[in-house]
Protein backbone atom coordinates (compact mmCIF):
# COMPACT_ATOMS: atom_id res chain seq x y z
CA MET A 1 -5.82 104.40 212.35
CA GLY A 2 -8.94 106.24 213.31
CA ASN A 3 -10.24 103.51 215.60
CA GLU A 4 -10.01 105.89 218.54
CA ILE A 5 -12.90 107.92 217.07
CA ALA A 6 -14.76 105.02 215.40
CA GLN A 7 -14.64 106.59 211.96
CA TYR A 8 -16.85 105.04 209.31
CA ILE A 9 -14.37 104.48 206.53
CA GLU A 10 -11.10 102.57 206.53
CA TRP A 11 -7.99 104.73 206.76
CA ARG A 12 -6.80 105.99 203.42
CA TYR A 13 -3.22 107.02 202.88
CA TYR A 14 -4.22 109.83 200.55
CA GLU A 15 -6.50 111.71 202.95
CA GLY A 16 -6.57 112.63 206.61
CA ILE A 17 -8.36 110.89 209.48
CA GLU A 18 -11.88 112.19 210.10
CA TYR A 19 -11.20 113.68 213.52
CA PHE A 20 -14.12 116.06 213.05
CA LEU A 21 -16.49 113.15 213.75
CA ALA A 22 -15.62 113.19 217.48
CA ASP A 23 -16.48 116.87 217.70
CA GLN A 24 -19.62 116.88 215.59
CA TYR A 25 -21.26 113.59 216.66
CA GLU A 26 -21.94 112.55 220.26
CA ASN A 27 -21.37 108.81 219.82
CA HIS A 28 -17.98 109.35 218.20
CA GLY A 29 -17.02 111.74 220.97
CA LYS A 30 -18.01 109.21 223.63
CA HIS A 31 -16.02 106.50 221.89
CA ARG A 32 -12.98 108.77 221.98
CA GLU A 33 -13.48 109.18 225.74
CA PHE A 34 -13.71 105.39 226.09
CA VAL A 35 -10.39 104.83 224.32
CA LYS A 36 -8.79 107.61 226.36
CA ALA A 37 -10.00 106.06 229.65
CA LEU A 38 -8.98 102.56 228.55
CA ASN A 39 -5.44 103.69 227.73
CA LYS A 40 -5.15 105.43 231.09
CA PHE A 41 -6.45 102.33 232.87
CA TYR A 42 -3.96 100.11 231.07
CA ASN A 43 -1.00 102.27 232.06
CA SER A 44 -2.01 102.41 235.73
CA HIS A 45 -2.62 98.66 236.24
CA PRO A 46 0.60 96.58 236.15
CA ALA A 47 -1.29 93.28 235.92
CA LEU A 48 -2.05 94.13 232.29
CA TRP A 49 1.56 94.51 231.20
CA GLN A 50 4.15 93.36 233.77
CA ARG A 51 3.83 89.70 232.78
CA ALA A 52 2.32 90.13 229.35
CA TYR A 53 4.85 87.76 227.75
CA THR A 54 4.99 85.00 230.36
CA SER A 55 2.44 82.27 231.07
CA ASP A 56 2.14 83.17 234.76
CA GLY A 57 0.57 86.50 233.85
CA PHE A 58 -2.64 84.93 232.50
CA ASP A 59 -5.16 82.32 233.66
CA TRP A 60 -8.40 81.31 232.04
CA ILE A 61 -11.45 81.38 234.29
CA GLU A 62 -14.02 80.39 231.66
CA ALA A 63 -13.26 79.90 227.98
CA ASP A 64 -16.04 77.49 226.99
CA ASP A 65 -19.30 79.27 227.86
CA ALA A 66 -20.67 79.23 224.31
CA ASP A 67 -24.30 79.21 225.49
CA GLN A 68 -23.99 82.60 227.20
CA CYS A 69 -21.28 83.96 224.87
CA VAL A 70 -19.10 85.00 227.81
CA ILE A 71 -15.37 84.56 228.40
CA SER A 72 -13.45 85.45 231.56
CA PHE A 73 -9.82 85.36 232.62
CA ALA A 74 -7.41 86.67 235.25
CA ARG A 75 -4.36 88.85 234.70
CA HIS A 76 -1.46 88.88 237.15
CA GLY A 77 1.37 91.31 237.82
CA ASP A 78 4.40 91.00 240.08
CA ASN A 79 2.30 91.82 243.14
CA PRO A 80 -0.76 89.61 243.88
CA LYS A 81 -2.67 92.67 245.11
CA ASP A 82 -2.71 93.92 241.50
CA ASP A 83 -4.68 90.90 240.24
CA LEU A 84 -7.52 91.67 237.82
CA VAL A 85 -10.45 89.58 236.62
CA ILE A 86 -11.76 90.44 233.17
CA LEU A 87 -15.10 89.35 231.74
CA MET A 88 -16.34 89.92 228.18
CA ASN A 89 -19.93 89.43 227.01
CA PHE A 90 -20.45 88.93 223.25
CA GLU A 91 -24.23 88.60 223.62
CA VAL A 92 -26.64 91.49 222.89
CA ASN A 93 -28.46 90.85 226.17
CA PRO A 94 -27.16 91.79 229.64
CA TYR A 95 -27.09 89.46 232.63
CA GLU A 96 -28.43 90.82 235.91
CA GLU A 97 -27.29 87.94 238.13
CA PHE A 98 -24.28 86.27 236.60
CA ARG A 99 -22.13 83.97 238.75
CA LEU A 100 -18.42 84.26 238.13
CA GLY A 101 -15.56 82.30 239.67
CA VAL A 102 -12.74 84.39 241.17
CA PRO A 103 -9.15 83.20 241.71
CA ARG A 104 -8.90 84.09 245.39
CA PRO A 105 -11.22 84.69 248.36
CA GLY A 106 -11.77 88.29 249.35
CA VAL A 107 -13.58 91.49 248.46
CA TRP A 108 -13.65 92.51 244.79
CA GLU A 109 -14.90 95.65 243.07
CA GLU A 110 -15.52 96.79 239.52
CA VAL A 111 -12.84 99.21 238.35
CA PHE A 112 -13.74 99.50 234.65
CA ASN A 113 -16.87 98.90 232.58
CA SER A 114 -17.19 99.56 228.87
CA ASP A 115 -20.96 100.02 229.20
CA GLN A 116 -20.76 103.25 231.18
CA VAL A 117 -23.09 105.96 229.92
CA GLU A 118 -20.23 108.41 229.38
CA PHE A 119 -18.73 105.89 226.94
CA GLY A 120 -21.98 105.62 225.00
CA GLY A 121 -23.14 102.49 226.82
CA SER A 122 -26.47 101.52 228.37
CA GLY A 123 -25.30 101.85 231.98
CA VAL A 124 -25.32 98.20 233.09
CA THR A 125 -22.54 98.53 235.66
CA ASN A 126 -21.64 97.47 239.20
CA GLU A 127 -20.47 100.89 240.33
CA GLY A 128 -19.99 101.21 244.09
CA VAL A 129 -20.60 97.51 244.79
CA LYS A 130 -18.17 95.57 246.98
CA PHE A 131 -18.42 91.87 246.12
CA LYS A 132 -17.61 89.44 248.95
CA SER A 133 -16.61 86.10 247.49
CA GLU A 134 -18.68 83.07 248.51
CA ASP A 135 -17.58 79.51 249.27
CA LYS A 136 -19.36 78.31 246.15
CA PRO A 137 -17.08 76.71 243.52
CA TRP A 138 -17.65 78.02 239.99
CA ASN A 139 -15.68 78.09 236.73
CA HIS A 140 -13.08 75.74 238.24
CA GLN A 141 -12.50 78.26 241.05
CA ASP A 142 -13.12 77.68 244.78
CA GLN A 143 -14.77 81.08 245.26
CA SER A 144 -17.36 83.00 243.26
CA ILE A 145 -19.42 86.19 243.15
CA VAL A 146 -22.65 87.31 241.48
CA LEU A 147 -22.63 90.49 239.39
CA ARG A 148 -24.28 92.38 236.53
CA VAL A 149 -22.79 91.84 233.07
CA PRO A 150 -23.23 94.48 230.34
CA PRO A 151 -24.43 93.64 226.82
CA LEU A 152 -21.77 93.54 224.12
CA GLY A 153 -19.27 94.83 226.64
CA GLY A 154 -16.74 94.02 229.29
CA THR A 155 -16.09 94.58 232.96
CA ILE A 156 -12.88 94.48 234.97
CA LEU A 157 -12.75 93.55 238.66
CA LYS A 158 -9.92 94.20 241.10
CA TYR A 159 -9.06 92.44 244.35
CA VAL A 160 -9.55 94.90 247.23
CA ARG A 161 -8.91 93.14 250.54
CA PRO A 162 -9.36 89.84 252.42
CA LEU A 163 -12.74 88.83 253.77
CA PRO A 164 -13.56 89.91 257.35
CA ALA A 165 -12.49 87.32 259.92
CA LYS A 166 -15.31 84.98 260.89
CA ARG A 167 -16.32 84.72 264.54
CA THR A 168 -15.49 81.17 265.62
CA THR A 169 -17.58 79.14 268.08
CA LYS A 170 -14.61 79.00 270.44
CA LYS A 171 -14.32 82.78 270.53
CA VAL A 172 -18.04 83.22 271.08
CA ALA A 173 -18.01 80.65 273.89
CA ALA A 174 -15.00 82.31 275.54
CA LYS A 175 -16.73 85.67 275.37
CA ALA A 176 -19.88 84.18 276.95
CA VAL A 177 -17.84 82.56 279.76
CA LYS A 178 -16.06 85.84 280.41
CA ALA A 179 -19.36 87.72 280.55
CA GLY A 180 -20.83 85.06 282.88
CA THR A 181 -17.80 85.24 285.18
CA ALA A 182 -18.01 89.02 285.35
CA LYS A 183 -21.74 88.81 286.15
CA ALA A 184 -21.15 86.20 288.89
CA THR A 185 -18.35 88.31 290.40
CA ALA A 186 -20.59 91.39 290.50
CA ALA A 187 -23.37 89.36 292.16
CA ALA A 188 -20.94 87.97 294.76
CA LYS A 189 -19.70 91.44 295.58
CA LYS A 190 -23.26 92.68 295.95
CA THR A 191 -24.13 89.78 298.30
CA ALA A 192 -20.98 90.36 300.36
CA ALA A 193 -21.86 94.04 300.71
CA LYS A 194 -25.38 93.14 301.94
CA VAL A 195 -23.97 90.67 304.51
CA LYS A 196 -21.49 93.27 305.77
CA ALA A 197 -24.19 95.91 306.03
CA SER A 198 -26.41 93.51 308.00
CA ALA A 199 -23.54 92.57 310.33
CA ASP A 200 -22.72 96.23 310.92
CA ALA A 201 -26.37 96.94 311.68
CA LYS A 202 -26.55 94.10 314.22
CA LYS A 203 -23.29 95.20 315.84
CA GLY A 204 -24.57 98.74 316.13
CA SER A 205 -27.85 97.52 317.64
CA ALA A 206 -26.03 95.36 320.24
CA SER A 207 -23.74 98.21 321.16
CA GLY A 208 -26.72 100.51 321.70
CA LYS A 209 -28.49 98.01 323.92
CA GLY A 210 -25.32 97.56 326.06
CA GLU A 211 -24.96 101.25 326.56
CA ALA A 212 -28.62 101.62 327.58
CA LYS A 213 -28.33 98.77 330.11
CA ALA A 214 -25.15 100.28 331.64
CA SER A 215 -26.91 103.66 331.95
CA ARG A 216 -29.88 102.15 333.80
CA ALA A 217 -27.58 100.23 336.17
CA LYS A 218 -25.68 103.44 336.99
CA LYS A 219 -28.84 105.30 337.82
CA ALA A 220 -30.01 102.49 340.13
């Protein structure tokens, strides 16, 4: 008891919890906001509790990175769209470009970070960044991303949507052929119009000459 305000002393049955700390000291108040936000996040993300007691609700991504003091794992709910990737850094230093394997290709975004300034952290976050997974195997996963990792903190990523469809060579070639055909058709129409105009001009000229000749013959 009292962890939600990070009180200094262990709870004692014979005296009350030091709730005044959260009101009188900024760091304790920010820690209270962190616990409040974490509880709200937990309740609103089924992947954290729907399969909490079955093996298919959890997968390790990296459990053996002792050199960097980082662990990462995936949590799954009943719906794959609720998948979360969680990374924890137990090192005092942050990582600005940390490669992390993700369990499925697509776009991922950070939805929670314990190092946010409003929680008393240093602000090493990935706020507003949309991570497009790359075809680079990492942590026993086929896809990976590169992100910032906070010191002595954790970050949670959520699957957002599939990657944009790639333009295939066949589609590009078909589009080029279609454009070429349209261009050739326009050129042919233009040429046909010129030929018709020339023929009409010649016909008009011949008709004029015939009329002039008939007029001179009549006068004679």
